[in-house]
C-alpha atoms as a PDB file:
ATOM      1  CA  UNK A   1     125.065 107.229  59.554  1.00  0.00           C
ATOM      2  CA  UNK A   2     124.966 106.510  55.805  1.00  0.00           C
ATOM      3  CA  UNK A   3     127.373 109.419  55.267  1.00  0.00           C
ATOM      4  CA  UNK A   4     129.776 108.906  58.172  1.00  0.00           C
ATOM      5  CA  UNK A   5     129.420 105.162  58.650  1.00  0.00           C
ATOM      6  CA  UNK A   6     130.058 105.037  62.382  1.00  0.00           C
ATOM      7  CA  UNK A   7     126.926 105.311  64.576  1.00  0.00           C
ATOM      8  CA  UNK A   8     129.116 105.440  67.703  1.00  0.00           C
ATOM      9  CA  UNK A   9     130.361 108.800  66.354  1.00  0.00           C
ATOM     10  CA  UNK A  10     127.126 110.076  64.842  1.00  0.00           C
ATOM     11  CA  UNK A  11     124.786 109.355  67.780  1.00  0.00           C
ATOM     12  CA  UNK A  12     126.632 111.307  70.498  1.00  0.00           C
ATOM     13  CA  UNK A  13     127.344 114.128  68.043  1.00  0.00           C
ATOM     14  CA  UNK A  14     123.605 114.516  67.412  1.00  0.00           C
ATOM     15  CA  UNK A  15     122.087 113.539  70.753  1.00  0.00           C
ATOM     16  CA  UNK A  16     124.927 114.300  73.168  1.00  0.00           C
ATOM     17  CA  UNK A  17     125.876 112.307  76.239  1.00  0.00           C
ATOM     18  CA  UNK A  18     127.027 108.688  76.269  1.00  0.00           C
ATOM     19  CA  UNK A  19     125.339 106.669  73.544  1.00  0.00           C
ATOM     20  CA  UNK A  20     125.218 102.894  73.124  1.00  0.00           C
ATOM     21  CA  UNK A  21     124.878 102.153  69.402  1.00  0.00           C
ATOM     22  CA  UNK A  22     123.752  98.963  67.693  1.00  0.00           C
ATOM     23  CA  UNK A  23     123.867  98.085  63.985  1.00  0.00           C
ATOM     24  CA  UNK A  24     121.036  95.744  63.036  1.00  0.00           C
ATOM     25  CA  UNK A  25     121.811  92.570  61.094  1.00  0.00           C
ATOM     26  CA  UNK A  26     119.458  91.813  58.219  1.00  0.00           C
ATOM     27  CA  UNK A  27     119.565  88.067  58.943  1.00  0.00           C
ATOM     28  CA  UNK A  28     119.401  87.973  62.735  1.00  0.00           C
ATOM     29  CA  UNK A  29     117.155  91.045  63.082  1.00  0.00           C
ATOM     30  CA  UNK A  30     114.706  90.176  60.334  1.00  0.00           C
ATOM     31  CA  UNK A  31     111.707  92.490  60.193  1.00  0.00           C
ATOM     32  CA  UNK A  32     113.465  95.483  61.736  1.00  0.00           C
ATOM     33  CA  UNK A  33     112.916  98.497  59.495  1.00  0.00           C
ATOM     34  CA  UNK A  34     115.960 100.488  60.558  1.00  0.00           C
ATOM     35  CA  UNK A  35     119.704 100.149  60.190  1.00  0.00           C
ATOM     36  CA  UNK A  36     120.907 101.348  63.584  1.00  0.00           C
ATOM     37  CA  UNK A  37     119.634 102.031  67.079  1.00  0.00           C
ATOM     38  CA  UNK A  38     121.101 104.141  69.856  1.00  0.00           C
ATOM     39  CA  UNK A  39     120.348 104.225  73.593  1.00  0.00           C
ATOM     40  CA  UNK A  40     121.354 106.891  76.073  1.00  0.00           C
ATOM     41  CA  UNK A  41     123.558 105.780  78.974  1.00  0.00           C
ATOM     42  CA  UNK A  42     123.600 108.035  82.070  1.00  0.00           C
ATOM     43  CA  UNK A  43     126.676 110.151  82.783  1.00  0.00           C
ATOM     44  CA  UNK A  44     127.921 109.520  86.346  1.00  0.00           C
ATOM     45  CA  UNK A  45     127.924 112.643  88.508  1.00  0.00           C
ATOM     46  CA  UNK A  46     131.242 114.469  88.656  1.00  0.00           C
ATOM     47  CA  UNK A  47     132.850 112.543  85.809  1.00  0.00           C
ATOM     48  CA  UNK A  48     135.544 114.372  83.848  1.00  0.00           C
ATOM     49  CA  UNK A  49     137.711 113.293  80.929  1.00  0.00           C
ATOM     50  CA  UNK A  50     141.340 114.025  80.149  1.00  0.00           C
ATOM     51  CA  UNK A  51     142.154 113.732  76.449  1.00  0.00           C
ATOM     52  CA  UNK A  52     145.609 113.845  74.910  1.00  0.00           C
ATOM     53  CA  UNK A  53     145.406 114.686  71.204  1.00  0.00           C
ATOM     54  CA  UNK A  54     148.723 114.231  69.356  1.00  0.00           C
ATOM     55  CA  UNK A  55     149.859 116.845  66.857  1.00  0.00           C
ATOM     56  CA  UNK A  56     148.985 116.936  63.169  1.00  0.00           C
ATOM     57  CA  UNK A  57     152.047 115.000  62.020  1.00  0.00           C
ATOM     58  CA  UNK A  58     151.114 112.071  64.242  1.00  0.00           C
ATOM     59  CA  UNK A  59     147.412 112.233  63.387  1.00  0.00           C
ATOM     60  CA  UNK A  60     147.677 112.661  59.624  1.00  0.00           C
ATOM     61  CA  UNK A  61     151.140 111.346  58.796  1.00  0.00           C
ATOM     62  CA  UNK A  62     149.742 107.982  57.728  1.00  0.00           C
ATOM     63  CA  UNK A  63     147.357 109.470  55.167  1.00  0.00           C
ATOM     64  CA  UNK A  64     143.718 110.480  55.236  1.00  0.00           C
ATOM     65  CA  UNK A  65     142.271 106.958  55.617  1.00  0.00           C
ATOM     66  CA  UNK A  66     143.765 106.332  59.055  1.00  0.00           C
ATOM     67  CA  UNK A  67     140.832 104.287  60.370  1.00  0.00           C
ATOM     68  CA  UNK A  68     141.158 101.753  57.555  1.00  0.00           C
ATOM     69  CA  UNK A  69     144.875 101.440  58.217  1.00  0.00           C
ATOM     70  CA  UNK A  70     144.285 100.837  61.910  1.00  0.00           C
ATOM     71  CA  UNK A  71     141.654  98.201  61.120  1.00  0.00           C
ATOM     72  CA  UNK A  72     144.147  96.367  58.941  1.00  0.00           C
ATOM     73  CA  UNK A  73     146.315  95.856  62.021  1.00  0.00           C
ATOM     74  CA  UNK A  74     143.618  93.744  63.645  1.00  0.00           C
ATOM     75  CA  UNK A  75     143.565  89.971  63.327  1.00  0.00           C
ATOM     76  CA  UNK A  76     140.844  88.541  61.029  1.00  0.00           C
ATOM     77  CA  UNK A  77     139.961  85.973  63.711  1.00  0.00           C
ATOM     78  CA  UNK A  78     140.092  86.200  67.496  1.00  0.00           C
ATOM     79  CA  UNK A  79     140.422  83.660  70.260  1.00  0.00           C
ATOM     80  CA  UNK A  80     137.251  82.711  72.124  1.00  0.00           C
ATOM     81  CA  UNK A  81     138.862  83.718  75.423  1.00  0.00           C
ATOM     82  CA  UNK A  82     139.574  87.215  74.076  1.00  0.00           C
ATOM     83  CA  UNK A  83     136.010  87.591  72.805  1.00  0.00           C
ATOM     84  CA  UNK A  84     134.636  86.521  76.191  1.00  0.00           C
ATOM     85  CA  UNK A  85     137.010  88.941  77.942  1.00  0.00           C
ATOM     86  CA  UNK A  86     135.766  91.924  75.921  1.00  0.00           C
ATOM     87  CA  UNK A  87     132.095  90.955  76.168  1.00  0.00           C
ATOM     88  CA  UNK A  88     132.426  90.791  79.957  1.00  0.00           C
ATOM     89  CA  UNK A  89     134.139  94.191  80.090  1.00  0.00           C
ATOM     90  CA  UNK A  90     131.498  95.773  77.864  1.00  0.00           C
ATOM     91  CA  UNK A  91     128.733  94.535  80.165  1.00  0.00           C
ATOM     92  CA  UNK A  92     130.636  95.814  83.196  1.00  0.00           C
ATOM     93  CA  UNK A  93     131.170  99.191  81.520  1.00  0.00           C
ATOM     94  CA  UNK A  94     127.450  99.769  80.974  1.00  0.00           C
ATOM     95  CA  UNK A  95     126.615  98.559  84.484  1.00  0.00           C
ATOM     96  CA  UNK A  96     129.258 100.824  86.036  1.00  0.00           C
ATOM     97  CA  UNK A  97     127.972 103.865  84.161  1.00  0.00           C
ATOM     98  CA  UNK A  98     124.338 103.116  85.072  1.00  0.00           C
ATOM     99  CA  UNK A  99     125.250 102.629  88.745  1.00  0.00           C
ATOM    100  CA  UNK A 100     127.696 105.543  88.844  1.00  0.00           C
ATOM    101  CA  UNK A 101     130.375 103.159  90.137  1.00  0.00           C
ATOM    102  CA  UNK A 102     133.455 104.768  88.621  1.00  0.00           C
ATOM    103  CA  UNK A 103     135.807 102.409  90.461  1.00  0.00           C
ATOM    104  CA  UNK A 104     134.773  99.573  88.142  1.00  0.00           C
ATOM    105  CA  UNK A 105     135.905 101.522  85.065  1.00  0.00           C
ATOM    106  CA  UNK A 106     139.509 100.516  85.766  1.00  0.00           C
ATOM    107  CA  UNK A 107     138.479  96.982  84.842  1.00  0.00           C
ATOM    108  CA  UNK A 108     135.743  97.849  82.342  1.00  0.00           C
ATOM    109  CA  UNK A 109     138.082  99.815  80.057  1.00  0.00           C
ATOM    110  CA  UNK A 110     140.512  96.919  79.647  1.00  0.00           C
ATOM    111  CA  UNK A 111     140.674  95.437  76.161  1.00  0.00           C
ATOM    112  CA  UNK A 112     142.303  92.528  74.332  1.00  0.00           C
ATOM    113  CA  UNK A 113     141.029  93.034  70.784  1.00  0.00           C
ATOM    114  CA  UNK A 114     142.508  96.284  69.485  1.00  0.00           C
ATOM    115  CA  UNK A 115     144.497  98.290  72.036  1.00  0.00           C
ATOM    116  CA  UNK A 116     147.392  95.833  72.493  1.00  0.00           C
ATOM    117  CA  UNK A 117     148.172  95.474  68.782  1.00  0.00           C
ATOM    118  CA  UNK A 118     147.712  99.164  68.042  1.00  0.00           C
ATOM    119  CA  UNK A 119     149.907 100.093  70.975  1.00  0.00           C
ATOM    120  CA  UNK A 120     152.585  97.696  69.733  1.00  0.00           C
ATOM    121  CA  UNK A 121     152.450  98.494  66.015  1.00  0.00           C
ATOM    122  CA  UNK A 122     151.251 102.079  65.702  1.00  0.00           C
ATOM    123  CA  UNK A 123     151.020 104.058  68.938  1.00  0.00           C
ATOM    124  CA  UNK A 124     154.148 103.891  71.108  1.00  0.00           C
ATOM    125  CA  UNK A 125     152.684 106.493  73.477  1.00  0.00           C
ATOM    126  CA  UNK A 126     149.508 104.517  74.256  1.00  0.00           C
ATOM    127  CA  UNK A 127     150.399 101.955  76.920  1.00  0.00           C
ATOM    128  CA  UNK A 128     152.738 104.233  78.869  1.00  0.00           C
ATOM    129  CA  UNK A 129     150.163 107.034  79.024  1.00  0.00           C
ATOM    130  CA  UNK A 130     147.279 104.758  80.002  1.00  0.00           C
ATOM    131  CA  UNK A 131     149.269 103.144  82.799  1.00  0.00           C
ATOM    132  CA  UNK A 132     150.503 106.526  84.041  1.00  0.00           C
ATOM    133  CA  UNK A 133     146.924 107.820  84.239  1.00  0.00           C
ATOM    134  CA  UNK A 134     145.789 104.772  86.217  1.00  0.00           C
ATOM    135  CA  UNK A 135     148.775 105.023  88.568  1.00  0.00           C
ATOM    136  CA  UNK A 136     147.873 108.671  89.182  1.00  0.00           C
ATOM    137  CA  UNK A 137     144.355 107.727  90.293  1.00  0.00           C
ATOM    138  CA  UNK A 138     142.284 107.843  87.101  1.00  0.00           C
ATOM    139  CA  UNK A 139     139.334 105.446  87.084  1.00  0.00           C
ATOM    140  CA  UNK A 140     139.989 104.165  83.582  1.00  0.00           C
ATOM    141  CA  UNK A 141     142.114 104.839  80.503  1.00  0.00           C
ATOM    142  CA  UNK A 142     141.677 103.875  76.867  1.00  0.00           C
ATOM    143  CA  UNK A 143     142.404 104.591  73.223  1.00  0.00           C
ATOM    144  CA  UNK A 144     139.744 106.816  71.692  1.00  0.00           C
ATOM    145  CA  UNK A 145     138.305 104.900  68.750  1.00  0.00           C
ATOM    146  CA  UNK A 146     141.048 103.927  66.310  1.00  0.00           C
ATOM    147  CA  UNK A 147     143.336 106.523  67.900  1.00  0.00           C
ATOM    148  CA  UNK A 148     145.704 108.185  68.328  1.00  0.00           C
ATOM    149  CA  UNK A 149     143.950 110.214  71.072  1.00  0.00           C
ATOM    150  CA  UNK A 150     144.403 108.747  74.561  1.00  0.00           C
ATOM    151  CA  UNK A 151     141.739 109.397  77.187  1.00  0.00           C
ATOM    152  CA  UNK A 152     141.260 108.784  80.878  1.00  0.00           C
ATOM    153  CA  UNK A 153     138.256 109.087  83.170  1.00  0.00           C
ATOM    154  CA  UNK A 154     138.526 111.088  86.379  1.00  0.00           C
ATOM    155  CA  UNK A 155     136.385 112.389  89.220  1.00  0.00           C
ATOM    156  CA  UNK A 156     136.856 113.832  92.672  1.00  0.00           C
ATOM    157  CA  UNK A 157     135.132 114.439  95.952  1.00  0.00           C
ATOM    158  CA  UNK A 158     131.350 114.218  96.061  1.00  0.00           C
ATOM    159  CA  UNK A 159     129.350 117.323  95.295  1.00  0.00           C
ATOM    160  CA  UNK A 160     129.489 119.998  92.607  1.00  0.00           C
ATOM    161  CA  UNK A 161     132.772 119.712  90.707  1.00  0.00           C
ATOM    162  CA  UNK A 162     132.943 123.491  90.332  1.00  0.00           C
ATOM    163  CA  UNK A 163     132.924 123.897  94.116  1.00  0.00           C
ATOM    164  CA  UNK A 164     135.908 121.589  94.582  1.00  0.00           C
ATOM    165  CA  UNK A 165     139.513 122.728  94.704  1.00  0.00           C
ATOM    166  CA  UNK A 166     142.189 121.103  92.563  1.00  0.00           C
ATOM    167  CA  UNK A 167     143.406 118.895  95.411  1.00  0.00           C
ATOM    168  CA  UNK A 168     140.003 117.184  95.490  1.00  0.00           C
ATOM    169  CA  UNK A 169     140.145 116.302  91.803  1.00  0.00           C
ATOM    170  CA  UNK A 170     142.119 113.725  89.810  1.00  0.00           C
ATOM    171  CA  UNK A 171     142.420 115.565  86.513  1.00  0.00           C
ATOM    172  CA  UNK A 172     145.544 117.574  87.283  1.00  0.00           C
ATOM    173  CA  UNK A 173     147.509 114.602  88.643  1.00  0.00           C
ATOM    174  CA  UNK A 174     146.422 112.354  85.771  1.00  0.00           C
ATOM    175  CA  UNK A 175     147.349 114.967  83.177  1.00  0.00           C
ATOM    176  CA  UNK A 176     150.778 115.536  84.692  1.00  0.00           C
ATOM    177  CA  UNK A 177     151.450 111.791  84.925  1.00  0.00           C
ATOM    178  CA  UNK A 178     150.470 111.314  81.274  1.00  0.00           C
ATOM    179  CA  UNK A 179     152.710 114.215  80.274  1.00  0.00           C
ATOM    180  CA  UNK A 180     155.672 112.723  82.116  1.00  0.00           C
ATOM    181  CA  UNK A 181     155.066 109.324  80.502  1.00  0.00           C
ATOM    182  CA  UNK A 182     155.087 111.004  77.107  1.00  0.00           C
ATOM    183  CA  UNK A 183     158.343 112.798  77.848  1.00  0.00           C
ATOM    184  CA  UNK A 184     159.970 109.544  78.988  1.00  0.00           C
ATOM    185  CA  UNK A 185     159.599 107.949  75.550  1.00  0.00           C
ATOM    186  CA  UNK A 186     162.689 107.628  73.322  1.00  0.00           C
ATOM    187  CA  UNK A 187     163.595 110.903  71.635  1.00  0.00           C
ATOM    188  CA  UNK A 188     162.468 109.880  68.144  1.00  0.00           C
ATOM    189  CA  UNK A 189     159.044 108.873  69.477  1.00  0.00           C
ATOM    190  CA  UNK A 190     158.687 112.029  71.569  1.00  0.00           C
ATOM    191  CA  UNK A 191     159.382 114.178  68.496  1.00  0.00           C
ATOM    192  CA  UNK A 192     156.427 112.578  66.698  1.00  0.00           C
ATOM    193  CA  UNK A 193     153.969 111.912  69.490  1.00  0.00           C
ATOM    194  CA  UNK A 194     154.868 114.600  72.013  1.00  0.00           C
ATOM    195  CA  UNK A 195     153.682 117.603  70.010  1.00  0.00           C
ATOM    196  CA  UNK A 196     150.079 117.429  71.128  1.00  0.00           C
ATOM    197  CA  UNK A 197     147.613 119.040  73.515  1.00  0.00           C
ATOM    198  CA  UNK A 198     145.818 117.988  76.686  1.00  0.00           C
ATOM    199  CA  UNK A 199     142.141 118.788  77.154  1.00  0.00           C
ATOM    200  CA  UNK A 200     140.123 118.416  80.350  1.00  0.00           C
ATOM    201  CA  UNK A 201     136.440 118.256  79.507  1.00  0.00           C
ATOM    202  CA  UNK A 202     133.069 117.340  80.978  1.00  0.00           C
ATOM    203  CA  UNK A 203     130.558 115.141  79.135  1.00  0.00           C
ATOM    204  CA  UNK A 204     127.464 117.004  78.026  1.00  0.00           C
ATOM    205  CA  UNK A 205     123.927 115.785  77.468  1.00  0.00           C
ATOM    206  CA  UNK A 206     123.513 118.260  74.590  1.00  0.00           C
ATOM    207  CA  UNK A 207     124.473 117.289  71.053  1.00  0.00           C
ATOM    208  CA  UNK A 208     125.152 119.504  68.059  1.00  0.00           C
ATOM    209  CA  UNK A 209     123.079 122.682  68.168  1.00  0.00           C
ATOM    210  CA  UNK A 210     123.065 126.203  66.804  1.00  0.00           C
ATOM    211  CA  UNK A 211     124.275 128.820  69.281  1.00  0.00           C
ATOM    212  CA  UNK A 212     124.327 131.789  66.940  1.00  0.00           C
ATOM    213  CA  UNK A 213     123.312 132.516  63.357  1.00  0.00           C
ATOM    214  CA  UNK A 214     124.236 135.600  61.327  1.00  0.00           C
ATOM    215  CA  UNK A 215     122.135 136.444  59.467  1.00  0.00           C
ATOM    216  CA  UNK A 216     119.359 134.910  61.604  1.00  0.00           C
ATOM    217  CA  UNK A 217     117.339 132.052  60.182  1.00  0.00           C
ATOM    218  CA  UNK A 218     114.129 134.050  60.269  1.00  0.00           C
ATOM    219  CA  UNK A 219     113.014 137.493  61.458  1.00  0.00           C
ATOM    220  CA  UNK A 220     109.489 136.298  62.186  1.00  0.00           C
ATOM    221  CA  UNK A 221     107.585 133.207  63.252  1.00  0.00           C
ATOM    222  CA  UNK A 222     107.299 130.640  60.474  1.00  0.00           C
ATOM    223  CA  UNK A 223     104.315 128.420  59.754  1.00  0.00           C
ATOM    224  CA  UNK A 224     104.870 124.831  58.702  1.00  0.00           C
ATOM    225  CA  UNK A 225     102.562 122.371  57.043  1.00  0.00           C
ATOM    226  CA  UNK A 226     101.990 118.777  58.076  1.00  0.00           C
ATOM    227  CA  UNK A 227     101.037 115.681  56.131  1.00  0.00           C
ATOM    228  CA  UNK A 228      97.389 116.308  57.056  1.00  0.00           C
ATOM    229  CA  UNK A 229      97.343 119.986  56.209  1.00  0.00           C
ATOM    230  CA  UNK A 230      98.401 123.153  57.960  1.00  0.00           C
ATOM    231  CA  UNK A 231      99.213 123.013  61.667  1.00  0.00           C
END
């Protein structure tokens, strides 16, 4: 976290799954001898994600420090009603994931703090694509981090997702609706934001790991020492 600076990115990359991250405050969390904490949130059965990743020009056209630029769009102060709105939705999001109630994600993924202003000032594709996904049956839609990737949450009939045919799933309809919304943008916006790719993925409980090493790490069993001597 000291290198990357965003525990909400680092935790799932290391541990996998859905991670709830917390940054401790030295004043309010006095006596805590760590900077961050992360908690695993269960992945609802059958959940799939559709991600639209714009092309390189859209992603990197604003320079390398995109996150800082997107933060500068946000207001330095927020209305109490907007803070309450987002706190409520965050609580509902965690409850919906724990209970596996994907229907509530339509409400839980709503936001008043960053998506509206970023959609208005920076991402003309955002609102149209999110609404198209919801209209096509997706459970929720949102901007991934500071953007510009747009994501939606889908599922299908109960049971093993690999035993279901495409008509029982939402991913195909949501993807096509998002694609059509993208193509309906004004020509100059489509030229910038339309040159991207759609990905349909499943969340995984496994974080970063080595699948293959050449040359191998070791050709024999290694022995390690401990603080108290050899194991």
